[in-house]
Amino acid sequence: VQLQASGGGSVQPGGSLRLSCAASGFSFSAYSMGWYRQAPGKQRELVADISRSGTTNYSDSVKGRFTISRDNAKNTVFLQMNSLKPEDTGVYHCNKVYGLGPGSTWGQGTQVTVSS
C-alpha cells in the first residue's frame, strides 16, 4: 500500500488549498476513503470521508468549508479546503476509512499551515 498526499502549504486565514492523494497497492475503488488531520499535540482525526459510491461525510469542524471527492480511474482522492482557519493547521493524510489497525500504512502526509 502506498499513499502519497500533496498540495499542502502555508496560507492566510480565509484562503484555500486543494489536496490530492494518490493511492496504489490495493483496489482503491472498493474502499471508502478519508482525509485525516493531525494537529500539533493532538490525535489524528477523520475530517472527511467518501464512500465507494460517492456519499460524503464531514466532521462538524469542516462542514460547509471542505469538499472531498475521488477519481477512481486515477486512484486519487481530493480535498478542497476553503475558508481556512488557523485551527485547520496540521498534517493531512488520506487512508481507508475501515480496516485500519496499528500496522496500517499512512504515508508521509502533507503539511497545511494557516496563519496570518
C-alpha atoms as a PDB file:
ATOM      1  CA  VAL A   1       0.000   0.000   0.000  1.00  0.00           C
ATOM      2  CA  GLN A   2       1.254   3.478  -0.914  1.00  0.00           C
ATOM      3  CA  LEU A   3      -0.469   6.755  -0.142  1.00  0.00           C
ATOM      4  CA  GLN A   4       1.090   9.957  -1.437  1.00  0.00           C
ATOM      5  CA  ALA A   5      -0.555  13.158  -0.273  1.00  0.00           C
ATOM      6  CA  SER A   6       0.323  16.516  -1.820  1.00  0.00           C
ATOM      7  CA  GLY A   7      -0.936  20.072  -2.202  1.00  0.00           C
ATOM      8  CA  GLY A   8      -0.352  21.431   1.275  1.00  0.00           C
ATOM      9  CA  GLY A   9       1.245  24.765   2.032  1.00  0.00           C
ATOM     10  CA  SER A  10       1.057  27.942   4.075  1.00  0.00           C
ATOM     11  CA  VAL A  11      -1.954  30.196   3.624  1.00  0.00           C
ATOM     12  CA  GLN A  12      -3.606  33.083   5.399  1.00  0.00           C
ATOM     13  CA  PRO A  13      -6.941  32.660   7.168  1.00  0.00           C
ATOM     14  CA  GLY A  14      -9.724  32.630   4.607  1.00  0.00           C
ATOM     15  CA  GLY A  15      -7.528  31.094   1.955  1.00  0.00           C
ATOM     16  CA  SER A  16      -7.955  27.866   0.009  1.00  0.00           C
ATOM     17  CA  LEU A  17      -5.953  24.756  -0.770  1.00  0.00           C
ATOM     18  CA  ARG A  18      -6.642  21.621  -2.769  1.00  0.00           C
ATOM     19  CA  LEU A  19      -5.081  18.411  -1.520  1.00  0.00           C
ATOM     20  CA  SER A  20      -4.548  15.299  -3.613  1.00  0.00           C
ATOM     21  CA  CYS A  21      -3.698  11.770  -2.563  1.00  0.00           C
ATOM     22  CA  ALA A  22      -2.565   9.110  -4.992  1.00  0.00           C
ATOM     23  CA  ALA A  23      -3.134   5.562  -3.784  1.00  0.00           C
ATOM     24  CA  SER A  24      -1.684   2.285  -5.002  1.00  0.00           C
ATOM     25  CA  GLY A  25      -1.259  -1.290  -3.898  1.00  0.00           C
ATOM     26  CA  PHE A  26      -4.902  -2.028  -3.221  1.00  0.00           C
ATOM     27  CA  SER A  27      -8.265  -1.928  -5.009  1.00  0.00           C
ATOM     28  CA  PHE A  28      -8.921   1.771  -4.499  1.00  0.00           C
ATOM     29  CA  SER A  29     -12.438   1.810  -5.938  1.00  0.00           C
ATOM     30  CA  ALA A  30     -13.555  -0.892  -3.496  1.00  0.00           C
ATOM     31  CA  TYR A  31     -12.852   1.206  -0.400  1.00  0.00           C
ATOM     32  CA  SER A  32     -14.307   4.200   1.357  1.00  0.00           C
ATOM     33  CA  MET A  33     -11.534   6.772   1.646  1.00  0.00           C
ATOM     34  CA  GLY A  34     -10.961   9.552   4.098  1.00  0.00           C
ATOM     35  CA  TRP A  35      -8.847  12.580   4.860  1.00  0.00           C
ATOM     36  CA  TYR A  36      -7.348  12.683   8.320  1.00  0.00           C
ATOM     37  CA  ARG A  37      -5.801  15.643  10.137  1.00  0.00           C
ATOM     38  CA  GLN A  38      -3.225  15.548  12.898  1.00  0.00           C
ATOM     39  CA  ALA A  39      -2.896  18.906  14.577  1.00  0.00           C
ATOM     40  CA  PRO A  40       0.141  19.673  16.749  1.00  0.00           C
ATOM     41  CA  GLY A  41      -0.186  17.887  20.082  1.00  0.00           C
ATOM     42  CA  LYS A  42      -3.462  16.216  19.137  1.00  0.00           C
ATOM     43  CA  GLN A  43      -4.574  12.815  17.944  1.00  0.00           C
ATOM     44  CA  ARG A  44      -5.249  12.163  14.316  1.00  0.00           C
ATOM     45  CA  GLU A  45      -8.907  12.779  13.410  1.00  0.00           C
ATOM     46  CA  LEU A  46     -11.049  11.924  10.402  1.00  0.00           C
ATOM     47  CA  VAL A  47     -12.322  15.171   8.881  1.00  0.00           C
ATOM     48  CA  ALA A  48     -13.961  13.946   5.658  1.00  0.00           C
ATOM     49  CA  ASP A  49     -14.762  10.639   4.020  1.00  0.00           C
ATOM     50  CA  ILE A  50     -16.261   9.387   0.775  1.00  0.00           C
ATOM     51  CA  SER A  51     -17.825   6.008   0.084  1.00  0.00           C
ATOM     52  CA  ARG A  52     -17.272   3.832  -2.955  1.00  0.00           C
ATOM     53  CA  SER A  53     -20.404   5.322  -4.491  1.00  0.00           C
ATOM     54  CA  GLY A  54     -19.514   8.911  -3.654  1.00  0.00           C
ATOM     55  CA  THR A  55     -21.505   9.536  -0.481  1.00  0.00           C
ATOM     56  CA  THR A  56     -19.642  12.060   1.651  1.00  0.00           C
ATOM     57  CA  ASN A  57     -19.434  12.842   5.363  1.00  0.00           C
ATOM     58  CA  TYR A  58     -17.697  15.664   7.185  1.00  0.00           C
ATOM     59  CA  SER A  59     -16.743  16.466  10.737  1.00  0.00           C
ATOM     60  CA  ASP A  60     -18.564  19.418  12.232  1.00  0.00           C
ATOM     61  CA  SER A  61     -15.344  21.412  12.264  1.00  0.00           C
ATOM     62  CA  VAL A  62     -15.031  21.413   8.451  1.00  0.00           C
ATOM     63  CA  LYS A  63     -18.616  21.016   7.254  1.00  0.00           C
ATOM     64  CA  GLY A  64     -19.521  23.654   4.711  1.00  0.00           C
ATOM     65  CA  ARG A  65     -15.887  24.571   4.042  1.00  0.00           C
ATOM     66  CA  PHE A  66     -14.233  21.348   2.830  1.00  0.00           C
ATOM     67  CA  THR A  67     -15.257  19.113  -0.073  1.00  0.00           C
ATOM     68  CA  ILE A  68     -13.966  15.588  -0.583  1.00  0.00           C
ATOM     69  CA  SER A  69     -14.064  13.896  -3.981  1.00  0.00           C
ATOM     70  CA  ARG A  70     -12.477  10.934  -5.713  1.00  0.00           C
ATOM     71  CA  ASP A  71     -11.387   9.793  -9.164  1.00  0.00           C
ATOM     72  CA  ASN A  72     -11.446   6.002  -9.226  1.00  0.00           C
ATOM     73  CA  ALA A  73      -9.880   5.897 -12.695  1.00  0.00           C
ATOM     74  CA  LYS A  74      -6.808   7.652 -11.289  1.00  0.00           C
ATOM     75  CA  ASN A  75      -6.870   6.075  -7.805  1.00  0.00           C
ATOM     76  CA  THR A  76      -6.890   9.557  -6.332  1.00  0.00           C
ATOM     77  CA  VAL A  77      -8.853  11.289  -3.593  1.00  0.00           C
ATOM     78  CA  PHE A  78      -9.067  15.063  -3.266  1.00  0.00           C
ATOM     79  CA  LEU A  79      -9.855  17.572  -0.539  1.00  0.00           C
ATOM     80  CA  GLN A  80     -10.869  21.101  -1.498  1.00  0.00           C
ATOM     81  CA  MET A  81     -10.404  23.316   1.541  1.00  0.00           C
ATOM     82  CA  ASN A  82     -11.955  26.779   1.539  1.00  0.00           C
ATOM     83  CA  SER A  83     -12.299  29.478   4.203  1.00  0.00           C
ATOM     84  CA  LEU A  84      -9.333  28.021   6.031  1.00  0.00           C
ATOM     85  CA  LYS A  85      -8.909  28.774   9.728  1.00  0.00           C
ATOM     86  CA  PRO A  86      -5.828  28.603  11.963  1.00  0.00           C
ATOM     87  CA  GLU A  87      -7.333  25.540  13.649  1.00  0.00           C
ATOM     88  CA  ASP A  88      -7.144  23.697  10.313  1.00  0.00           C
ATOM     89  CA  THR A  89      -3.362  23.622  10.697  1.00  0.00           C
ATOM     90  CA  GLY A  90      -1.879  20.133  10.759  1.00  0.00           C
ATOM     91  CA  VAL A  91      -0.565  17.252   8.724  1.00  0.00           C
ATOM     92  CA  TYR A  92      -3.174  15.811   6.386  1.00  0.00           C
ATOM     93  CA  HIS A  93      -3.160  12.159   5.364  1.00  0.00           C
ATOM     94  CA  CYS A  94      -5.509  10.110   3.281  1.00  0.00           C
ATOM     95  CA  ASN A  95      -6.338   6.499   4.016  1.00  0.00           C
ATOM     96  CA  LYS A  96      -9.064   3.917   4.024  1.00  0.00           C
ATOM     97  CA  VAL A  97     -11.897   4.536   6.456  1.00  0.00           C
ATOM     98  CA  TYR A  98     -12.399   0.942   7.546  1.00  0.00           C
ATOM     99  CA  GLY A  99      -9.953  -1.822   8.361  1.00  0.00           C
ATOM    100  CA  LEU A 100      -7.180   0.340   9.762  1.00  0.00           C
ATOM    101  CA  GLY A 101      -5.003  -1.020  12.520  1.00  0.00           C
ATOM    102  CA  PRO A 102      -1.712  -0.407  14.328  1.00  0.00           C
ATOM    103  CA  GLY A 103       0.283  -1.736  11.360  1.00  0.00           C
ATOM    104  CA  SER A 104      -1.522   0.248   8.672  1.00  0.00           C
ATOM    105  CA  THR A 105       0.474   2.336   6.211  1.00  0.00           C
ATOM    106  CA  TRP A 106      -0.105   6.089   6.439  1.00  0.00           C
ATOM    107  CA  GLY A 107       2.324   7.667   4.018  1.00  0.00           C
ATOM    108  CA  GLN A 108       4.081  10.971   4.530  1.00  0.00           C
ATOM    109  CA  GLY A 109       1.098  13.318   4.618  1.00  0.00           C
ATOM    110  CA  THR A 110       1.110  16.950   3.585  1.00  0.00           C
ATOM    111  CA  GLN A 111       1.510  19.934   5.905  1.00  0.00           C
ATOM    112  CA  VAL A 112      -1.151  22.644   5.978  1.00  0.00           C
ATOM    113  CA  THR A 113      -0.391  25.809   7.912  1.00  0.00           C
ATOM    114  CA  VAL A 114      -2.976  28.554   8.290  1.00  0.00           C
ATOM    115  CA  SER A 115      -1.557  31.695   9.821  1.00  0.00           C
ATOM    116  CA  SER A 116      -1.601  35.428   9.379  1.00  0.00           C
END
